[in-house]
C-alpha atoms as a PDB file:
ATOM      1  CA  MET A   1     -33.415  17.085  29.689  1.00  0.00           C
ATOM      2  CA  SER A   2     -36.315  16.177  27.406  1.00  0.00           C
ATOM      3  CA  ARG A   3     -39.714  15.553  28.943  1.00  0.00           C
ATOM      4  CA  ALA A   4     -39.661  12.257  27.066  1.00  0.00           C
ATOM      5  CA  ALA A   5     -36.365  11.207  28.675  1.00  0.00           C
ATOM      6  CA  GLY A   6     -36.535   7.568  29.690  1.00  0.00           C
ATOM      7  CA  LYS A   7     -39.381   6.817  27.290  1.00  0.00           C
ATOM      8  CA  TRP A   8     -37.029   6.000  24.406  1.00  0.00           C
ATOM      9  CA  SER A   9     -34.254   4.683  26.673  1.00  0.00           C
ATOM     10  CA  GLY A  10     -33.314   1.136  25.715  1.00  0.00           C
ATOM     11  CA  ALA A  11     -35.465   1.086  22.592  1.00  0.00           C
ATOM     12  CA  PHE A  12     -32.653   2.285  20.309  1.00  0.00           C
ATOM     13  CA  PRO A  13     -29.404   0.982  21.867  1.00  0.00           C
ATOM     14  CA  THR A  14     -27.217   1.590  18.794  1.00  0.00           C
ATOM     15  CA  LEU A  15     -28.259   5.255  18.642  1.00  0.00           C
ATOM     16  CA  GLU A  16     -27.696   5.612  22.382  1.00  0.00           C
ATOM     17  CA  ARG A  17     -24.093   4.499  21.855  1.00  0.00           C
ATOM     18  CA  GLU A  18     -23.368   6.272  18.564  1.00  0.00           C
ATOM     19  CA  GLY A  19     -25.805   9.193  18.502  1.00  0.00           C
ATOM     20  CA  LEU A  20     -28.200  10.345  15.776  1.00  0.00           C
ATOM     21  CA  GLY A  21     -26.455  12.589  13.256  1.00  0.00           C
ATOM     22  CA  LEU A  22     -28.339  15.668  12.039  1.00  0.00           C
ATOM     23  CA  VAL A  23     -27.139  18.105   9.366  1.00  0.00           C
ATOM     24  CA  ASP A  24     -29.181  21.320   9.088  1.00  0.00           C
ATOM     25  CA  VAL A  25     -28.566  23.296   5.886  1.00  0.00           C
ATOM     26  CA  GLY A  26     -29.967  26.805   6.152  1.00  0.00           C
ATOM     27  CA  ALA A  27     -30.021  26.757   9.942  1.00  0.00           C
ATOM     28  CA  ARG A  28     -31.438  30.247  10.586  1.00  0.00           C
ATOM     29  CA  ASP A  29     -33.362  30.322  13.910  1.00  0.00           C
ATOM     30  CA  GLY A  30     -31.894  27.017  15.096  1.00  0.00           C
ATOM     31  CA  LEU A  31     -32.618  23.315  14.917  1.00  0.00           C
ATOM     32  CA  LEU A  32     -35.971  21.676  14.249  1.00  0.00           C
ATOM     33  CA  ARG A  33     -38.159  21.420  17.350  1.00  0.00           C
ATOM     34  CA  VAL A  34     -39.295  17.936  16.366  1.00  0.00           C
ATOM     35  CA  PHE A  35     -36.024  16.542  17.781  1.00  0.00           C
ATOM     36  CA  ASP A  36     -36.449  18.118  21.227  1.00  0.00           C
ATOM     37  CA  ASP A  37     -37.809  14.886  22.729  1.00  0.00           C
ATOM     38  CA  ILE A  38     -34.618  12.978  21.892  1.00  0.00           C
ATOM     39  CA  ALA A  39     -32.142  15.852  22.304  1.00  0.00           C
ATOM     40  CA  PRO A  40     -29.585  13.800  24.322  1.00  0.00           C
ATOM     41  CA  LEU A  41     -29.176  11.497  21.301  1.00  0.00           C
ATOM     42  CA  VAL A  42     -28.705  14.238  18.699  1.00  0.00           C
ATOM     43  CA  ARG A  43     -25.324  15.302  17.325  1.00  0.00           C
ATOM     44  CA  ALA A  44     -26.063  18.297  15.120  1.00  0.00           C
ATOM     45  CA  VAL A  45     -24.131  20.494  12.712  1.00  0.00           C
ATOM     46  CA  GLY A  46     -25.822  23.468  11.072  1.00  0.00           C
ATOM     47  CA  PHE A  47     -24.719  25.479   8.029  1.00  0.00           C
ATOM     48  CA  GLU A  48     -25.663  29.164   7.883  1.00  0.00           C
ATOM     49  CA  PRO A  49     -23.969  31.498   5.350  1.00  0.00           C
ATOM     50  CA  ASP A  50     -25.257  34.621   7.149  1.00  0.00           C
ATOM     51  CA  ALA A  51     -22.191  35.169   9.347  1.00  0.00           C
ATOM     52  CA  GLY A  52     -24.067  37.210  11.965  1.00  0.00           C
ATOM     53  CA  GLU A  53     -26.809  34.610  12.367  1.00  0.00           C
ATOM     54  CA  CYS A  54     -24.246  31.806  12.489  1.00  0.00           C
ATOM     55  CA  ARG A  55     -22.360  33.601  15.258  1.00  0.00           C
ATOM     56  CA  ARG A  56     -25.583  34.131  17.213  1.00  0.00           C
ATOM     57  CA  LEU A  57     -26.510  30.439  16.955  1.00  0.00           C
ATOM     58  CA  ASN A  58     -23.072  29.324  18.170  1.00  0.00           C
ATOM     59  CA  GLU A  59     -23.280  31.714  21.117  1.00  0.00           C
ATOM     60  CA  LEU A  60     -26.649  30.275  22.106  1.00  0.00           C
ATOM     61  CA  ALA A  61     -25.311  26.723  21.792  1.00  0.00           C
ATOM     62  CA  ARG A  62     -22.277  27.532  23.952  1.00  0.00           C
ATOM     63  CA  ALA A  63     -24.553  29.079  26.583  1.00  0.00           C
ATOM     64  CA  GLY A  64     -26.289  25.740  26.950  1.00  0.00           C
ATOM     65  CA  THR A  65     -27.779  23.117  24.654  1.00  0.00           C
ATOM     66  CA  PRO A  66     -29.918  20.051  25.393  1.00  0.00           C
ATOM     67  CA  TYR A  67     -28.312  18.238  22.446  1.00  0.00           C
ATOM     68  CA  ALA A  68     -25.342  15.873  22.709  1.00  0.00           C
ATOM     69  CA  SER A  69     -23.503  18.359  20.486  1.00  0.00           C
ATOM     70  CA  GLU A  70     -24.546  21.450  18.497  1.00  0.00           C
ATOM     71  CA  THR A  71     -22.281  23.414  16.152  1.00  0.00           C
ATOM     72  CA  TYR A  72     -22.888  25.906  13.318  1.00  0.00           C
ATOM     73  CA  LEU A  73     -20.534  26.594  10.391  1.00  0.00           C
ATOM     74  CA  PRO A  74     -20.477  29.972   8.549  1.00  0.00           C
ATOM     75  CA  TYR A  75     -20.911  28.833   4.973  1.00  0.00           C
ATOM     76  CA  GLY A  76     -23.509  27.388   2.683  1.00  0.00           C
ATOM     77  CA  LEU A  77     -23.764  23.996   1.051  1.00  0.00           C
ATOM     78  CA  GLY A  78     -24.107  23.530  -2.685  1.00  0.00           C
ATOM     79  CA  ARG A  79     -23.176  21.378  -5.650  1.00  0.00           C
ATOM     80  CA  ALA A  80     -19.416  22.078  -5.437  1.00  0.00           C
ATOM     81  CA  ASP A  81     -16.817  23.963  -3.397  1.00  0.00           C
ATOM     82  CA  GLY A  82     -16.318  27.629  -4.238  1.00  0.00           C
ATOM     83  CA  GLN A  83     -17.709  31.133  -3.726  1.00  0.00           C
ATOM     84  CA  THR A  84     -21.288  32.166  -4.507  1.00  0.00           C
ATOM     85  CA  VAL A  85     -23.214  35.429  -4.340  1.00  0.00           C
ATOM     86  CA  LEU A  86     -25.825  35.475  -1.582  1.00  0.00           C
ATOM     87  CA  HIS A  87     -28.812  37.682  -2.401  1.00  0.00           C
ATOM     88  CA  VAL A  88     -29.629  39.057   1.047  1.00  0.00           C
ATOM     89  CA  CYS A  89     -33.272  40.145   1.104  1.00  0.00           C
ATOM     90  CA  ARG A  90     -35.019  42.745   3.216  1.00  0.00           C
ATOM     91  CA  SER A  91     -36.618  39.796   5.016  1.00  0.00           C
ATOM     92  CA  ARG A  92     -33.409  37.908   5.724  1.00  0.00           C
ATOM     93  CA  GLY A  93     -35.189  34.560   5.833  1.00  0.00           C
ATOM     94  CA  ALA A  94     -35.930  34.989   2.108  1.00  0.00           C
ATOM     95  CA  SER A  95     -32.241  35.336   1.198  1.00  0.00           C
ATOM     96  CA  SER A  96     -31.032  32.929  -1.474  1.00  0.00           C
ATOM     97  CA  PHE A  97     -28.183  32.017  -3.802  1.00  0.00           C
ATOM     98  CA  TYR A  98     -30.781  32.641  -6.543  1.00  0.00           C
ATOM     99  CA  ARG A  99     -32.066  36.100  -7.451  1.00  0.00           C
ATOM    100  CA  PRO A 100     -35.737  36.728  -6.460  1.00  0.00           C
ATOM    101  CA  ASN A 101     -38.138  36.501  -9.394  1.00  0.00           C
ATOM    102  CA  ARG A 102     -39.774  39.898  -8.920  1.00  0.00           C
ATOM    103  CA  ALA A 103     -41.902  39.667 -12.087  1.00  0.00           C
ATOM    104  CA  TRP A 104     -43.776  36.802 -10.387  1.00  0.00           C
ATOM    105  CA  LEU A 105     -43.500  37.952  -6.761  1.00  0.00           C
ATOM    106  CA  ASP A 106     -45.019  41.376  -7.510  1.00  0.00           C
ATOM    107  CA  ARG A 107     -48.339  39.662  -8.262  1.00  0.00           C
ATOM    108  CA  PHE A 108     -48.684  38.797  -4.562  1.00  0.00           C
ATOM    109  CA  PRO A 109     -48.872  40.877  -1.348  1.00  0.00           C
ATOM    110  CA  GLU A 110     -45.764  42.267   0.356  1.00  0.00           C
ATOM    111  CA  PRO A 111     -43.237  41.626  -2.426  1.00  0.00           C
ATOM    112  CA  ALA A 112     -40.887  44.174  -0.864  1.00  0.00           C
ATOM    113  CA  ARG A 113     -39.713  41.558   1.603  1.00  0.00           C
ATOM    114  CA  PHE A 114     -37.778  40.074  -1.345  1.00  0.00           C
ATOM    115  CA  ASP A 115     -35.930  43.346  -2.052  1.00  0.00           C
ATOM    116  CA  VAL A 116     -32.217  42.545  -2.370  1.00  0.00           C
ATOM    117  CA  VAL A 117     -30.277  44.784   0.041  1.00  0.00           C
ATOM    118  CA  GLU A 118     -26.826  43.143  -0.093  1.00  0.00           C
ATOM    119  CA  THR A 119     -24.953  40.769  -2.416  1.00  0.00           C
ATOM    120  CA  PRO A 120     -21.926  39.441  -0.506  1.00  0.00           C
ATOM    121  CA  SER A 121     -19.810  36.607  -1.877  1.00  0.00           C
ATOM    122  CA  VAL A 122     -19.877  33.693   0.590  1.00  0.00           C
ATOM    123  CA  PRO A 123     -18.024  30.360   0.775  1.00  0.00           C
ATOM    124  CA  VAL A 124     -19.902  27.246  -0.320  1.00  0.00           C
ATOM    125  CA  ARG A 125     -18.958  23.605   0.193  1.00  0.00           C
ATOM    126  CA  SER A 126     -20.431  20.325  -0.948  1.00  0.00           C
ATOM    127  CA  LEU A 127     -21.337  17.870   1.801  1.00  0.00           C
ATOM    128  CA  ASP A 128     -19.596  15.031  -0.044  1.00  0.00           C
ATOM    129  CA  SER A 129     -16.298  16.946  -0.125  1.00  0.00           C
ATOM    130  CA  LEU A 130     -16.574  17.774   3.577  1.00  0.00           C
ATOM    131  CA  LEU A 131     -16.975  14.098   4.416  1.00  0.00           C
ATOM    132  CA  GLU A 132     -13.623  13.411   2.771  1.00  0.00           C
ATOM    133  CA  GLU A 133     -11.831  15.741   5.200  1.00  0.00           C
ATOM    134  CA  PRO A 134     -10.705  13.922   8.375  1.00  0.00           C
ATOM    135  CA  ALA A 135     -10.812  17.150  10.407  1.00  0.00           C
ATOM    136  CA  ALA A 136     -14.324  18.159   9.289  1.00  0.00           C
ATOM    137  CA  THR A 137     -16.726  19.052  12.113  1.00  0.00           C
ATOM    138  CA  LEU A 138     -19.454  16.574  11.205  1.00  0.00           C
ATOM    139  CA  PRO A 139     -21.304  13.849  13.099  1.00  0.00           C
ATOM    140  CA  ALA A 140     -19.733  10.387  12.828  1.00  0.00           C
ATOM    141  CA  ALA A 141     -22.975   9.265  11.172  1.00  0.00           C
ATOM    142  CA  ILE A 142     -25.257  11.519   9.121  1.00  0.00           C
ATOM    143  CA  ASP A 143     -28.764  10.111   9.456  1.00  0.00           C
ATOM    144  CA  PHE A 144     -30.988  13.128   8.831  1.00  0.00           C
ATOM    145  CA  LEU A 145     -30.580  15.982   6.367  1.00  0.00           C
ATOM    146  CA  LYS A 146     -32.716  19.119   6.646  1.00  0.00           C
ATOM    147  CA  VAL A 147     -32.521  21.627   3.767  1.00  0.00           C
ATOM    148  CA  ASP A 148     -34.146  25.075   3.813  1.00  0.00           C
ATOM    149  CA  THR A 149     -32.181  27.243   1.391  1.00  0.00           C
ATOM    150  CA  GLN A 150     -34.794  29.247  -0.518  1.00  0.00           C
ATOM    151  CA  GLY A 151     -34.620  27.639  -3.934  1.00  0.00           C
ATOM    152  CA  SER A 152     -31.180  25.999  -3.955  1.00  0.00           C
ATOM    153  CA  GLY A 153     -32.199  22.722  -2.319  1.00  0.00           C
ATOM    154  CA  LEU A 154     -31.421  20.611  -5.383  1.00  0.00           C
ATOM    155  CA  ASP A 155     -27.884  22.044  -5.522  1.00  0.00           C
ATOM    156  CA  VAL A 156     -27.371  20.960  -1.908  1.00  0.00           C
ATOM    157  CA  LEU A 157     -28.652  17.451  -2.710  1.00  0.00           C
ATOM    158  CA  ARG A 158     -26.454  17.100  -5.809  1.00  0.00           C
ATOM    159  CA  GLY A 159     -23.416  18.011  -3.721  1.00  0.00           C
ATOM    160  CA  ALA A 160     -24.455  15.390  -1.160  1.00  0.00           C
ATOM    161  CA  GLU A 161     -25.377  12.522  -3.503  1.00  0.00           C
ATOM    162  CA  GLN A 162     -22.893  10.017  -2.085  1.00  0.00           C
ATOM    163  CA  THR A 163     -23.844  10.985   1.474  1.00  0.00           C
ATOM    164  CA  LEU A 164     -27.507  10.435   0.616  1.00  0.00           C
ATOM    165  CA  ARG A 165     -26.890   7.046  -0.962  1.00  0.00           C
ATOM    166  CA  ARG A 166     -24.566   5.706   1.732  1.00  0.00           C
ATOM    167  CA  HIS A 167     -25.671   7.294   4.991  1.00  0.00           C
ATOM    168  CA  VAL A 168     -28.843   9.390   5.164  1.00  0.00           C
ATOM    169  CA  VAL A 169     -32.182   7.707   5.951  1.00  0.00           C
ATOM    170  CA  ALA A 170     -34.449  10.796   6.087  1.00  0.00           C
ATOM    171  CA  VAL A 171     -34.607  14.211   4.448  1.00  0.00           C
ATOM    172  CA  GLU A 172     -36.780  17.216   5.232  1.00  0.00           C
ATOM    173  CA  ILE A 173     -36.520  19.761   2.432  1.00  0.00           C
ATOM    174  CA  GLU A 174     -38.275  22.971   1.473  1.00  0.00           C
ATOM    175  CA  VAL A 175     -39.646  22.661  -2.061  1.00  0.00           C
ATOM    176  CA  GLU A 176     -41.204  25.180  -4.425  1.00  0.00           C
ATOM    177  CA  PHE A 177     -43.992  24.665  -6.959  1.00  0.00           C
ATOM    178  CA  ALA A 178     -43.571  28.130  -8.497  1.00  0.00           C
ATOM    179  CA  LYS A 179     -40.397  30.053  -9.358  1.00  0.00           C
ATOM    180  CA  LEU A 180     -39.965  32.439  -6.448  1.00  0.00           C
ATOM    181  CA  TYR A 181     -36.363  32.784  -7.606  1.00  0.00           C
ATOM    182  CA  GLU A 182     -35.007  33.065 -11.124  1.00  0.00           C
ATOM    183  CA  ALA A 183     -33.904  29.770 -12.724  1.00  0.00           C
ATOM    184  CA  GLN A 184     -34.468  27.793  -9.529  1.00  0.00           C
ATOM    185  CA  PRO A 185     -35.319  24.061  -9.619  1.00  0.00           C
ATOM    186  CA  LEU A 186     -38.857  23.084  -8.600  1.00  0.00           C
ATOM    187  CA  PHE A 187     -40.460  20.254  -6.660  1.00  0.00           C
ATOM    188  CA  ARG A 188     -40.547  17.907  -9.644  1.00  0.00           C
ATOM    189  CA  ASP A 189     -36.762  18.197  -9.986  1.00  0.00           C
ATOM    190  CA  VAL A 190     -36.114  17.583  -6.286  1.00  0.00           C
ATOM    191  CA  ASP A 191     -38.540  14.666  -6.144  1.00  0.00           C
ATOM    192  CA  GLY A 192     -36.989  12.989  -9.165  1.00  0.00           C
ATOM    193  CA  PHE A 193     -33.476  13.286  -7.737  1.00  0.00           C
ATOM    194  CA  LEU A 194     -34.384  11.934  -4.294  1.00  0.00           C
ATOM    195  CA  SER A 195     -36.387   9.101  -5.847  1.00  0.00           C
ATOM    196  CA  ALA A 196     -33.312   8.070  -7.846  1.00  0.00           C
ATOM    197  CA  CYS A 197     -31.345   8.029  -4.563  1.00  0.00           C
ATOM    198  CA  GLY A 198     -33.815   5.598  -2.975  1.00  0.00           C
ATOM    199  CA  PHE A 199     -36.112   7.973  -1.053  1.00  0.00           C
ATOM    200  CA  SER A 200     -39.911   8.194  -1.069  1.00  0.00           C
ATOM    201  CA  ILE A 201     -42.000  11.199  -0.078  1.00  0.00           C
ATOM    202  CA  VAL A 202     -44.022  10.494   3.069  1.00  0.00           C
ATOM    203  CA  LYS A 203     -45.387  13.895   4.105  1.00  0.00           C
ATOM    204  CA  LEU A 204     -45.888  17.314   2.566  1.00  0.00           C
ATOM    205  CA  ARG A 205     -46.848  20.486   4.430  1.00  0.00           C
ATOM    206  CA  ARG A 206     -48.163  22.847   1.764  1.00  0.00           C
ATOM    207  CA  ALA A 207     -48.285  26.644   1.644  1.00  0.00           C
ATOM    208  CA  GLY A 208     -50.404  28.736  -0.715  1.00  0.00           C
ATOM    209  CA  TRP A 209     -50.419  32.446  -1.546  1.00  0.00           C
ATOM    210  CA  VAL A 210     -53.396  34.617  -2.489  1.00  0.00           C
ATOM    211  CA  ARG A 211     -52.850  37.209  -5.228  1.00  0.00           C
ATOM    212  CA  GLN A 212     -52.976  40.993  -4.891  1.00  0.00           C
ATOM    213  CA  THR A 213     -56.474  40.918  -6.390  1.00  0.00           C
ATOM    214  CA  CYS A 214     -57.803  39.524  -3.108  1.00  0.00           C
ATOM    215  CA  THR A 215     -55.679  41.548  -0.704  1.00  0.00           C
ATOM    216  CA  ALA A 216     -58.739  43.035   1.026  1.00  0.00           C
ATOM    217  CA  ARG A 217     -60.439  39.642   1.519  1.00  0.00           C
ATOM    218  CA  PRO A 218     -57.772  36.918   1.246  1.00  0.00           C
ATOM    219  CA  HIS A 219     -59.963  34.382   3.055  1.00  0.00           C
ATOM    220  CA  VAL A 220     -62.278  34.080   0.039  1.00  0.00           C
ATOM    221  CA  SER A 221     -59.585  32.241  -1.967  1.00  0.00           C
ATOM    222  CA  ALA A 222     -57.516  29.126  -1.330  1.00  0.00           C
ATOM    223  CA  GLY A 223     -54.727  30.770  -3.303  1.00  0.00           C
ATOM    224  CA  GLN A 224     -52.007  29.107  -5.357  1.00  0.00           C
ATOM    225  CA  LEU A 225     -49.810  26.280  -4.134  1.00  0.00           C
ATOM    226  CA  VAL A 226     -46.385  27.913  -3.889  1.00  0.00           C
ATOM    227  CA  SER A 227     -44.115  25.936  -1.596  1.00  0.00           C
ATOM    228  CA  GLY A 228     -43.989  23.185   0.972  1.00  0.00           C
ATOM    229  CA  ASP A 229     -41.852  21.204   3.408  1.00  0.00           C
ATOM    230  CA  ALA A 230     -41.448  17.602   2.245  1.00  0.00           C
ATOM    231  CA  LEU A 231     -40.383  14.618   4.344  1.00  0.00           C
ATOM    232  CA  TYR A 232     -38.598  11.812   2.488  1.00  0.00           C
ATOM    233  CA  LEU A 233     -37.679   8.436   3.990  1.00  0.00           C
ATOM    234  CA  ARG A 234     -35.641   5.496   2.802  1.00  0.00           C
ATOM    235  CA  ASP A 235     -37.758   2.366   2.281  1.00  0.00           C
ATOM    236  CA  PRO A 236     -35.655  -0.705   3.150  1.00  0.00           C
ATOM    237  CA  LEU A 237     -38.559  -2.998   2.232  1.00  0.00           C
ATOM    238  CA  ASP A 238     -38.456  -1.770  -1.377  1.00  0.00           C
ATOM    239  CA  ARG A 239     -35.546  -4.043  -2.288  1.00  0.00           C
ATOM    240  CA  ASP A 240     -35.454  -2.951  -5.943  1.00  0.00           C
ATOM    241  CA  HIS A 241     -34.869   0.721  -5.132  1.00  0.00           C
ATOM    242  CA  GLN A 242     -32.253   0.620  -2.381  1.00  0.00           C
ATOM    243  CA  PRO A 243     -28.847   1.511  -3.849  1.00  0.00           C
ATOM    244  CA  GLY A 244     -25.982  -0.165  -2.049  1.00  0.00           C
ATOM    245  CA  GLY A 245     -28.045  -2.892  -0.393  1.00  0.00           C
ATOM    246  CA  GLY A 246     -29.798  -2.989   2.975  1.00  0.00           C
ATOM    247  CA  LEU A 247     -29.502  -0.696   5.984  1.00  0.00           C
ATOM    248  CA  THR A 248     -27.230  -1.155   8.971  1.00  0.00           C
ATOM    249  CA  THR A 249     -28.734  -1.570  12.440  1.00  0.00           C
ATOM    250  CA  HIS A 250     -27.817   2.056  13.166  1.00  0.00           C
ATOM    251  CA  GLN A 251     -29.673   3.211  10.051  1.00  0.00           C
ATOM    252  CA  LEU A 252     -32.704   1.044  10.828  1.00  0.00           C
ATOM    253  CA  GLU A 253     -32.977   2.498  14.328  1.00  0.00           C
ATOM    254  CA  ALA A 254     -32.514   6.034  12.989  1.00  0.00           C
ATOM    255  CA  LEU A 255     -35.168   5.536  10.299  1.00  0.00           C
ATOM    256  CA  MET A 256     -37.675   4.149  12.790  1.00  0.00           C
ATOM    257  CA  LEU A 257     -37.066   6.839  15.390  1.00  0.00           C
ATOM    258  CA  ILE A 258     -37.350   9.670  12.858  1.00  0.00           C
ATOM    259  CA  ALA A 259     -40.578   8.195  11.478  1.00  0.00           C
ATOM    260  CA  ILE A 260     -42.000   8.032  15.001  1.00  0.00           C
ATOM    261  CA  LEU A 261     -40.976  11.631  15.771  1.00  0.00           C
ATOM    262  CA  TYR A 262     -42.735  12.794  12.600  1.00  0.00           C
ATOM    263  CA  ASP A 263     -45.890  10.970  13.703  1.00  0.00           C
ATOM    264  CA  ALA A 264     -45.610   8.191  11.116  1.00  0.00           C
ATOM    265  CA  PRO A 265     -45.418   5.181  13.478  1.00  0.00           C
ATOM    266  CA  ASP A 266     -46.904   2.963  10.765  1.00  0.00           C
ATOM    267  CA  VAL A 267     -43.477   3.044   9.075  1.00  0.00           C
ATOM    268  CA  ALA A 268     -41.797   1.727  12.229  1.00  0.00           C
ATOM    269  CA  LEU A 269     -44.472  -0.901  12.861  1.00  0.00           C
ATOM    270  CA  GLU A 270     -44.190  -2.152   9.274  1.00  0.00           C
ATOM    271  CA  LEU A 271     -40.452  -2.622   9.747  1.00  0.00           C
ATOM    272  CA  LEU A 272     -41.058  -4.534  12.979  1.00  0.00           C
ATOM    273  CA  ALA A 273     -43.297  -6.895  10.996  1.00  0.00           C
ATOM    274  CA  ASP A 274     -40.402  -7.678   8.635  1.00  0.00           C
ATOM    275  CA  PRO A 275     -38.483 -10.720   9.987  1.00  0.00           C
ATOM    276  CA  GLU A 276     -35.050  -9.553   8.793  1.00  0.00           C
ATOM    277  CA  ALA A 277     -35.395  -6.042  10.218  1.00  0.00           C
ATOM    278  CA  ALA A 278     -37.115  -7.181  13.416  1.00  0.00           C
ATOM    279  CA  SER A 279     -34.285  -9.617  14.214  1.00  0.00           C
ATOM    280  CA  ARG A 280     -31.966  -6.638  14.799  1.00  0.00           C
ATOM    281  CA  LEU A 281     -34.368  -4.488  16.825  1.00  0.00           C
ATOM    282  CA  ASP A 282     -35.943  -4.437  20.286  1.00  0.00           C
ATOM    283  CA  GLY A 283     -39.516  -4.637  19.067  1.00  0.00           C
ATOM    284  CA  GLU A 284     -41.161  -4.683  22.503  1.00  0.00           C
ATOM    285  CA  ARG A 285     -39.510  -1.460  23.711  1.00  0.00           C
ATOM    286  CA  ILE A 286     -40.086   0.303  20.397  1.00  0.00           C
ATOM    287  CA  ARG A 287     -43.795  -0.577  20.521  1.00  0.00           C
ATOM    288  CA  GLN A 288     -43.980   0.724  24.100  1.00  0.00           C
ATOM    289  CA  TYR A 289     -42.435   4.029  22.988  1.00  0.00           C
ATOM    290  CA  ILE A 290     -44.875   4.294  20.067  1.00  0.00           C
ATOM    291  CA  GLU A 291     -47.829   3.599  22.350  1.00  0.00           C
ATOM    292  CA  TRP A 292     -46.669   6.237  24.845  1.00  0.00           C
ATOM    293  CA  ARG A 293     -46.385   8.842  22.083  1.00  0.00           C
ATOM    294  CA  ASN A 294     -49.770   7.861  20.637  1.00  0.00           C
ATOM    295  CA  ARG A 295     -51.450   8.431  24.001  1.00  0.00           C
ATOM    296  CA  ARG A 296     -49.773  11.815  24.371  1.00  0.00           C
ATOM    297  CA  THR A 297     -50.751  12.790  20.816  1.00  0.00           C
ATOM    298  CA  GLU A 298     -54.411  11.892  21.338  1.00  0.00           C
ATOM    299  CA  TRP A 299     -54.794  13.783  24.574  1.00  0.00           C
ATOM    300  CA  SER A 300     -52.915  16.835  23.304  1.00  0.00           C
ATOM    301  CA  ALA A 301     -55.233  17.011  20.292  1.00  0.00           C
ATOM    302  CA  ALA A 302     -58.271  16.495  22.507  1.00  0.00           C
ATOM    303  CA  LEU A 303     -57.149  19.244  24.888  1.00  0.00           C
ATOM    304  CA  LEU A 304     -56.574  21.656  22.016  1.00  0.00           C
ATOM    305  CA  THR A 305     -60.067  21.010  20.669  1.00  0.00           C
ATOM    306  CA  PHE A 306     -61.564  21.367  24.156  1.00  0.00           C
ATOM    307  CA  MET A 307     -59.845  24.735  24.617  1.00  0.00           C
ATOM    308  CA  ALA A 308     -61.145  25.923  21.250  1.00  0.00           C
ATOM    309  CA  GLN A 309     -64.681  24.915  22.202  1.00  0.00           C
ATOM    310  CA  CYS A 310     -64.385  26.789  25.517  1.00  0.00           C
ATOM    311  CA  VAL A 311     -63.235  29.956  23.734  1.00  0.00           C
ATOM    312  CA  ARG A 312     -66.385  29.753  21.608  1.00  0.00           C
ATOM    313  CA  GLY A 313     -68.531  29.400  24.729  1.00  0.00           C
ATOM    314  CA  ARG A 314     -69.275  25.738  24.053  1.00  0.00           C
ATOM    315  CA  THR A 315     -67.811  24.119  27.154  1.00  0.00           C
ATOM    316  CA  LYS A 316     -70.372  21.315  27.213  1.00  0.00           C
ATOM    317  CA  ALA A 317     -69.580  20.443  23.612  1.00  0.00           C
ATOM    318  CA  GLY A 318     -65.885  20.367  24.515  1.00  0.00           C
ATOM    319  CA  LEU A 319     -66.503  18.021  27.426  1.00  0.00           C
ATOM    320  CA  ARG A 320     -68.498  15.699  25.159  1.00  0.00           C
ATOM    321  CA  TYR A 321     -65.575  15.710  22.733  1.00  0.00           C
ATOM    322  CA  LEU A 322     -63.119  14.739  25.480  1.00  0.00           C
ATOM    323  CA  ASP A 323     -65.388  11.896  26.560  1.00  0.00           C
ATOM    324  CA  ALA A 324     -65.679  10.669  22.968  1.00  0.00           C
ATOM    325  CA  ARG A 325     -61.891  10.697  22.582  1.00  0.00           C
ATOM    326  CA  ARG A 326     -61.543   8.680  25.773  1.00  0.00           C
ATOM    327  CA  ARG A 327     -63.983   6.045  24.506  1.00  0.00           C
ATOM    328  CA  ARG A 328     -62.789   5.898  20.886  1.00  0.00           C
ATOM    329  CA  ARG A 329     -59.056   6.217  20.241  1.00  0.00           C
ATOM    330  CA  SER A 330     -58.989   5.804  16.476  1.00  0.00           C
ATOM    331  CA  TRP A 331     -57.571   8.370  14.089  1.00  0.00           C
ATOM    332  CA  ALA A 332     -58.156   9.219  10.449  1.00  0.00           C
ATOM    333  CA  TRP A 333     -55.257   8.017   8.334  1.00  0.00           C
ATOM    334  CA  MET A 334     -54.739  11.419   6.689  1.00  0.00           C
ATOM    335  CA  ASP A 335     -53.942  14.702   8.418  1.00  0.00           C
ATOM    336  CA  SER A 336     -55.436  17.958   7.209  1.00  0.00           C
ATOM    337  CA  GLU A 337     -53.435  19.361   4.319  1.00  0.00           C
ATOM    338  CA  HIS A 338     -51.705  22.147   6.243  1.00  0.00           C
ATOM    339  CA  ASP A 339     -50.418  19.917   9.053  1.00  0.00           C
ATOM    340  CA  PHE A 340     -46.892  18.520   8.851  1.00  0.00           C
ATOM    341  CA  TYR A 341     -46.830  17.371  12.449  1.00  0.00           C
ATOM    342  CA  THR A 342     -49.844  16.382  14.518  1.00  0.00           C
ATOM    343  CA  LEU A 343     -51.712  18.698  16.862  1.00  0.00           C
ATOM    344  CA  ARG A 344     -49.507  17.390  19.658  1.00  0.00           C
ATOM    345  CA  PHE A 345     -46.545  19.234  18.179  1.00  0.00           C
ATOM    346  CA  ALA A 346     -48.614  22.375  17.584  1.00  0.00           C
ATOM    347  CA  LEU A 347     -49.116  22.728  21.349  1.00  0.00           C
ATOM    348  CA  HIS A 348     -45.377  23.072  21.931  1.00  0.00           C
ATOM    349  CA  ARG A 349     -44.468  25.509  19.147  1.00  0.00           C
END
């Protein structure tokens, strides 16, 4: 049971009855930790074309899962149903339906991790076609879509366009700013597609690489922006860009809860200030849950800073920092560029 059990209880009654649907595309290593706090609400299905990894994940889930349900399917998602070659790399997490772009990768350290060691043909489905099958093993509602497929994210989105427009309220997707793989789409393509589907980017955790020329002293360069993990949310208050009309109560609760979990409570509070949205929500309990998480976030960050000060032999400075946090509980509106979650989440990774 989650350590936060009881804190969200009653705040999201529709989700407690119907569950929060999560689809994880490229599920290697398991589900996102950010949902641990609400695990009893989550009904998850993961897609992993690496048959061995998929089997391992299902075995772990059968041995015991905190989630309401957790299942993994041994195929990939893409634009259409069919068979596709999977370029299995020496570092299996770099495997992709696109061939690695070695002419570019060789300019950076450790390119051998992208060596292709196998090229099996694997089954691929589109999410939209799966939803049309009555016997498909999918959550009754699909609220959140996570995509980490090493360059083929746009193909997954194109095969899920109707699902995105009708059901999904939040997307976390790996994006690339440089062509790690041959002919792959880039961030600008993904962003344009999701924008047309009614989503806005809210957060971006960026990753940069330093070239071979600085291998001996990589810290002297900030490197090149290469990839990132982007969080997109539906904006029900942007009436002109919401295909298909407003959100259901289930979708509103899912959107607010996901925003809170990703440490963007301002999104939830803005919705509570909207009379139409607020009339369908338990504003008092949602605010209590936000306040509880805010307190935990502040003290986790303060503790982390205190520990760092102690390691540097500056215990008194750390104690002064804790006292300052206790007296002043305001936060800068922008996280540092490498943080996707707050320091609270970093403590539990």
